[in-house]
Amino acid sequence: MNADTRAAHVVVIGGGISGLAAAHRLAGTGARVTVLEGAGRVGGKLHTGEIEGVRVDLGAESMLARRPEAVALAREAGLADALQPPATSGAALWNRGTLTPMPTGHVMGVPAGPDGLGGVLSDEGLRRIGLDAELPPAEIGEDIALGEYVAGRMGREVVDRLVEPLLGGVYAGDVYRTSMRAAVPALYEAARSNPTLGAAVRSLQERATPASGPVFMGLDGGIGSLPPAVADAVRARGGEILMHRP
């Protein structure tokens, strides 16, 4: 585009966080940006509400701190002082009517073996994990559905009681159809170079290094405060956001 050519007019369909992030980046290039949002608010799945008088996130409640994009967007939207790691007392599973501490020694819910899973899986489920060592190597190819692969190696209980609770919500989809290569790329690569799934998990655990910082990052006021801040930043760059435009 030369200096005599008018700046492009880009229309972004949808004012969720993806659309707002795209609009924010485009507006920074000098393009004229219009965001069309069908609802009366921006943010899509990211929003806050009240439960018993307490203000909480009704969508995602944190960002992955080890990926720079979302944290950088929050800073660019003027929320640097609001960034803080979420406080937690530890993860637990709601399992057969009781809270069970989340087992350790797994990769995104995929265990290296049956040890420590007695309070989560049935006796049959524990025995099924052991079959992984007896099965021939699986043909993974260019990609494979994570849930189907894990169930084929270690049984459906591992998927339904460990992998699905962890990853089903993160990726907002059916873990039996979720791309292993996209969702857990390190495990995908390890599974291609190890004879069993358990061996792949152990290889990742052996290479793991201690965390150098928080895994997740939150915002004082909730992650639901991010979309309005980004929308304001888009407007500050000359963009416009039109509501109720289905």
Protein backbone atom coordinates (compact mmCIF):
# COMPACT_ATOMS: atom_id res chain seq x y z
CA MET A 1 0.00 0.00 0.00
CA ASN A 2 1.58 3.32 -1.05
CA ALA A 3 1.21 6.67 0.66
CA ASP A 4 -1.50 7.78 -1.76
CA THR A 5 -3.72 4.80 -1.04
CA ARG A 6 -6.35 5.12 1.65
CA ALA A 7 -5.92 2.83 4.65
CA ALA A 8 -7.79 -0.44 4.40
CA HIS A 9 -11.15 -0.79 6.14
CA VAL A 10 -11.27 -4.11 8.01
CA VAL A 11 -14.51 -5.45 9.45
CA VAL A 12 -14.11 -7.92 12.32
CA ILE A 13 -17.12 -10.18 12.87
CA GLY A 14 -17.62 -10.83 16.56
CA GLY A 15 -16.53 -8.94 19.65
CA GLY A 16 -15.29 -11.88 21.68
CA ILE A 17 -11.74 -11.79 22.93
CA SER A 18 -10.39 -13.23 19.67
CA GLY A 19 -12.15 -10.60 17.59
CA LEU A 20 -11.09 -7.82 19.95
CA ALA A 21 -7.47 -9.00 19.94
CA ALA A 22 -7.49 -9.04 16.14
CA ALA A 23 -9.08 -5.59 16.01
CA HIS A 24 -6.52 -4.24 18.48
CA ARG A 25 -3.61 -5.48 16.39
CA LEU A 26 -5.12 -4.27 13.12
CA ALA A 27 -5.89 -0.83 14.52
CA GLY A 28 -2.25 -0.54 15.49
CA THR A 29 -1.23 -0.87 11.85
CA GLY A 30 -3.21 2.19 10.81
CA ALA A 31 -6.11 0.27 9.28
CA ARG A 32 -9.65 1.50 9.85
CA VAL A 33 -11.28 -1.18 11.98
CA THR A 34 -14.94 -1.89 12.69
CA VAL A 35 -16.03 -4.65 15.05
CA LEU A 36 -19.57 -5.99 14.63
CA GLU A 37 -20.96 -7.69 17.74
CA GLY A 38 -24.41 -9.28 17.84
CA ALA A 39 -24.85 -9.03 21.62
CA GLY A 40 -25.09 -5.99 23.83
CA ARG A 41 -21.65 -6.50 25.35
CA VAL A 42 -18.18 -7.50 24.22
CA GLY A 43 -16.24 -10.50 25.49
CA GLY A 44 -18.21 -13.52 24.35
CA LYS A 45 -17.43 -16.33 26.78
CA LEU A 46 -15.33 -14.04 28.98
CA HIS A 47 -17.58 -12.18 31.40
CA THR A 48 -18.22 -11.74 35.10
CA GLY A 49 -21.30 -12.13 37.24
CA GLU A 50 -22.37 -12.69 40.83
CA ILE A 51 -22.88 -15.90 42.79
CA GLU A 52 -24.26 -15.41 46.31
CA GLY A 53 -23.18 -11.79 46.19
CA VAL A 54 -19.60 -12.58 45.21
CA ARG A 55 -18.33 -11.27 41.88
CA VAL A 56 -16.78 -14.12 39.91
CA ASP A 57 -15.72 -15.00 36.39
CA LEU A 58 -18.43 -16.93 34.57
CA GLY A 59 -16.04 -17.93 31.79
CA ALA A 60 -12.32 -18.58 31.95
CA GLU A 61 -10.83 -17.41 35.24
CA SER A 62 -7.15 -17.22 34.30
CA MET A 63 -4.64 -17.05 31.45
CA LEU A 64 -1.72 -19.35 30.73
CA ALA A 65 1.23 -17.32 32.01
CA ARG A 66 3.84 -19.24 30.05
CA ARG A 67 2.35 -18.14 26.75
CA PRO A 68 3.03 -14.42 26.23
CA GLU A 69 0.11 -13.39 24.02
CA ALA A 70 -2.77 -12.96 26.49
CA VAL A 71 -0.62 -11.42 29.23
CA ALA A 72 0.90 -9.00 26.70
CA LEU A 73 -2.59 -8.06 25.47
CA ALA A 74 -3.67 -7.29 29.04
CA ARG A 75 -0.64 -5.05 29.49
CA GLU A 76 -1.29 -3.25 26.20
CA ALA A 77 -4.90 -2.70 27.29
CA GLY A 78 -3.72 -0.90 30.43
CA LEU A 79 -4.17 -3.76 32.90
CA ALA A 80 -0.52 -4.29 33.86
CA ASP A 81 -1.16 -3.32 37.49
CA ALA A 82 -4.11 -5.73 37.70
CA LEU A 83 -2.12 -8.83 36.64
CA GLN A 84 -1.65 -11.32 39.46
CA PRO A 85 -1.34 -15.11 39.75
CA PRO A 86 -4.51 -16.74 41.08
CA ALA A 87 -4.44 -18.03 44.65
CA THR A 88 -5.28 -21.70 45.02
CA SER A 89 -5.46 -24.30 47.75
CA GLY A 90 -4.78 -27.16 45.35
CA ALA A 91 -6.72 -28.97 42.65
CA ALA A 92 -9.30 -31.65 43.37
CA LEU A 93 -11.68 -33.90 41.45
CA TRP A 94 -15.38 -34.26 42.26
CA ASN A 95 -15.40 -38.03 42.04
CA ARG A 96 -18.33 -40.30 42.97
CA GLY A 97 -19.80 -37.84 45.42
CA THR A 98 -16.62 -36.67 47.14
CA LEU A 99 -13.69 -34.34 46.53
CA THR A 100 -10.52 -36.29 45.75
CA PRO A 101 -7.12 -34.56 45.62
CA MET A 102 -5.81 -34.37 42.07
CA PRO A 103 -3.21 -37.11 41.65
CA THR A 104 0.36 -36.09 40.90
CA GLY A 105 2.73 -37.61 38.36
CA HIS A 106 0.67 -37.08 35.22
CA VAL A 107 0.86 -35.05 32.03
CA MET A 108 -2.42 -33.16 31.57
CA GLY A 109 -4.26 -36.02 33.25
CA VAL A 110 -2.42 -38.85 31.48
CA PRO A 111 -0.66 -40.97 34.13
CA ALA A 112 2.62 -42.85 33.81
CA GLY A 113 1.02 -45.85 35.53
CA PRO A 114 -1.61 -46.86 38.09
CA ASP A 115 0.29 -45.72 41.21
CA GLY A 116 -1.59 -43.17 43.31
CA LEU A 117 -4.86 -43.53 41.40
CA GLY A 118 -6.68 -45.82 43.81
CA GLY A 119 -9.03 -43.10 45.00
CA VAL A 120 -9.93 -42.04 41.46
CA LEU A 121 -10.21 -45.19 39.34
CA SER A 122 -11.94 -48.49 39.97
CA ASP A 123 -9.96 -51.71 40.38
CA GLU A 124 -10.78 -52.56 36.77
CA GLY A 125 -9.62 -49.12 35.66
CA LEU A 126 -6.31 -49.61 37.46
CA ARG A 127 -5.81 -53.00 35.84
CA ARG A 128 -6.63 -51.54 32.43
CA ILE A 129 -3.77 -49.05 32.73
CA GLY A 130 -1.38 -51.97 33.04
CA LEU A 131 -2.36 -53.24 29.59
CA ASP A 132 -0.57 -50.27 28.04
CA ALA A 133 2.76 -52.03 28.58
CA GLU A 134 1.50 -55.16 26.79
CA LEU A 135 0.01 -53.50 23.71
CA PRO A 136 2.05 -53.03 20.53
CA PRO A 137 3.07 -49.44 19.69
CA ALA A 138 0.17 -47.40 18.31
CA GLU A 139 0.22 -45.84 14.86
CA ILE A 140 -0.11 -42.12 15.58
CA GLY A 141 0.80 -40.60 12.23
CA GLU A 142 0.41 -36.87 11.63
CA ASP A 143 -2.17 -36.53 14.41
CA ILE A 144 -4.64 -38.51 16.49
CA ALA A 145 -7.64 -37.80 18.71
CA LEU A 146 -6.31 -37.46 22.25
CA GLY A 147 -9.17 -39.17 24.07
CA GLU A 148 -9.41 -42.08 21.67
CA TYR A 149 -5.66 -42.65 21.82
CA VAL A 150 -5.48 -42.57 25.63
CA ALA A 151 -8.58 -44.76 25.97
CA GLY A 152 -7.08 -47.28 23.54
CA ARG A 153 -3.87 -47.47 25.56
CA MET A 154 -5.10 -47.10 29.17
CA GLY A 155 -8.88 -47.35 29.12
CA ARG A 156 -11.80 -44.96 29.13
CA GLU A 157 -11.75 -44.40 32.90
CA VAL A 158 -8.45 -42.54 32.59
CA VAL A 159 -10.01 -40.28 29.97
CA ASP A 160 -13.35 -39.77 31.72
CA ARG A 161 -12.02 -39.22 35.25
CA LEU A 162 -8.67 -37.53 34.62
CA VAL A 163 -8.07 -36.22 31.09
CA GLU A 164 -11.58 -34.94 30.37
CA PRO A 165 -11.90 -32.93 33.63
CA LEU A 166 -8.59 -31.21 32.89
CA LEU A 167 -8.74 -30.65 29.14
CA GLY A 168 -12.43 -30.78 28.24
CA GLY A 169 -13.08 -27.39 29.78
CA VAL A 170 -9.80 -25.86 28.66
CA TYR A 171 -10.50 -26.58 25.00
CA ALA A 172 -14.30 -26.36 25.27
CA GLY A 173 -14.81 -29.55 23.33
CA ASP A 174 -15.02 -33.32 23.31
CA VAL A 175 -11.64 -34.67 24.39
CA TYR A 176 -12.35 -37.83 22.39
CA ARG A 177 -12.18 -35.64 19.28
CA THR A 178 -9.51 -33.16 20.40
CA SER A 179 -6.28 -33.07 18.41
CA MET A 180 -3.47 -34.53 20.48
CA ARG A 181 -0.91 -32.67 18.41
CA ALA A 182 -2.60 -29.32 19.04
CA ALA A 183 -3.68 -29.81 22.66
CA VAL A 184 -0.66 -31.61 24.14
CA PRO A 185 2.15 -31.29 21.56
CA ALA A 186 4.90 -32.47 23.93
CA LEU A 187 3.00 -35.68 24.70
CA TYR A 188 2.25 -36.16 21.01
CA GLU A 189 5.95 -36.06 20.15
CA ALA A 190 6.88 -38.29 23.08
CA ALA A 191 4.22 -40.84 22.14
CA ARG A 192 5.65 -41.07 18.63
CA SER A 193 9.12 -41.94 19.94
CA ASN A 194 8.23 -44.27 22.83
CA PRO A 195 6.76 -47.79 22.66
CA THR A 196 3.99 -47.14 25.21
CA LEU A 197 1.98 -44.20 26.50
CA GLY A 198 3.30 -44.74 30.02
CA ALA A 199 6.87 -44.59 28.72
CA ALA A 200 6.05 -41.36 26.87
CA VAL A 201 4.73 -39.77 30.08
CA ARG A 202 7.79 -40.89 32.04
CA SER A 203 10.12 -39.47 29.40
CA LEU A 204 8.44 -36.07 29.76
CA GLN A 205 8.63 -36.22 33.54
CA GLU A 206 12.35 -37.00 33.39
CA ARG A 207 12.96 -33.98 31.17
CA ALA A 208 10.77 -31.62 33.17
CA THR A 209 12.43 -28.65 34.85
CA PRO A 210 11.14 -26.84 37.95
CA ALA A 211 8.70 -24.04 37.17
CA SER A 212 10.36 -20.61 37.14
CA GLY A 213 7.15 -18.67 37.67
CA PRO A 214 3.38 -19.01 37.95
CA VAL A 215 1.68 -21.31 35.46
CA PHE A 216 -1.46 -19.14 35.33
CA MET A 217 -2.09 -15.41 35.51
CA GLY A 218 -5.29 -13.72 36.60
CA LEU A 219 -6.60 -10.18 36.81
CA ASP A 220 -7.73 -8.25 39.84
CA GLY A 221 -11.40 -7.84 38.97
CA GLY A 222 -11.53 -11.05 36.96
CA ILE A 223 -10.60 -12.13 33.46
CA GLY A 224 -13.99 -10.78 32.45
CA SER A 225 -12.48 -7.30 32.80
CA LEU A 226 -10.10 -7.97 29.90
CA PRO A 227 -12.54 -7.63 26.95
CA PRO A 228 -13.89 -4.19 27.95
CA ALA A 229 -10.33 -2.95 28.45
CA VAL A 230 -9.26 -4.23 25.03
CA ALA A 231 -12.38 -2.67 23.49
CA ASP A 232 -11.42 0.67 25.00
CA ALA A 233 -7.89 0.25 23.60
CA VAL A 234 -9.35 -0.47 20.15
CA ARG A 235 -11.41 2.72 20.32
CA ALA A 236 -8.35 4.65 21.49
CA ARG A 237 -6.61 3.54 18.30
CA GLY A 238 -9.46 4.86 16.18
CA GLY A 239 -11.49 1.66 15.82
CA GLU A 240 -15.24 1.42 16.31
CA ILE A 241 -17.28 -1.33 17.95
CA LEU A 242 -20.93 -1.65 16.97
CA MET A 243 -23.27 -3.66 19.20
CA HIS A 244 -26.45 -5.52 18.31
CA ARG A 245 -25.24 -6.22 14.80
CA PRO A 246 -26.13 -9.89 14.19
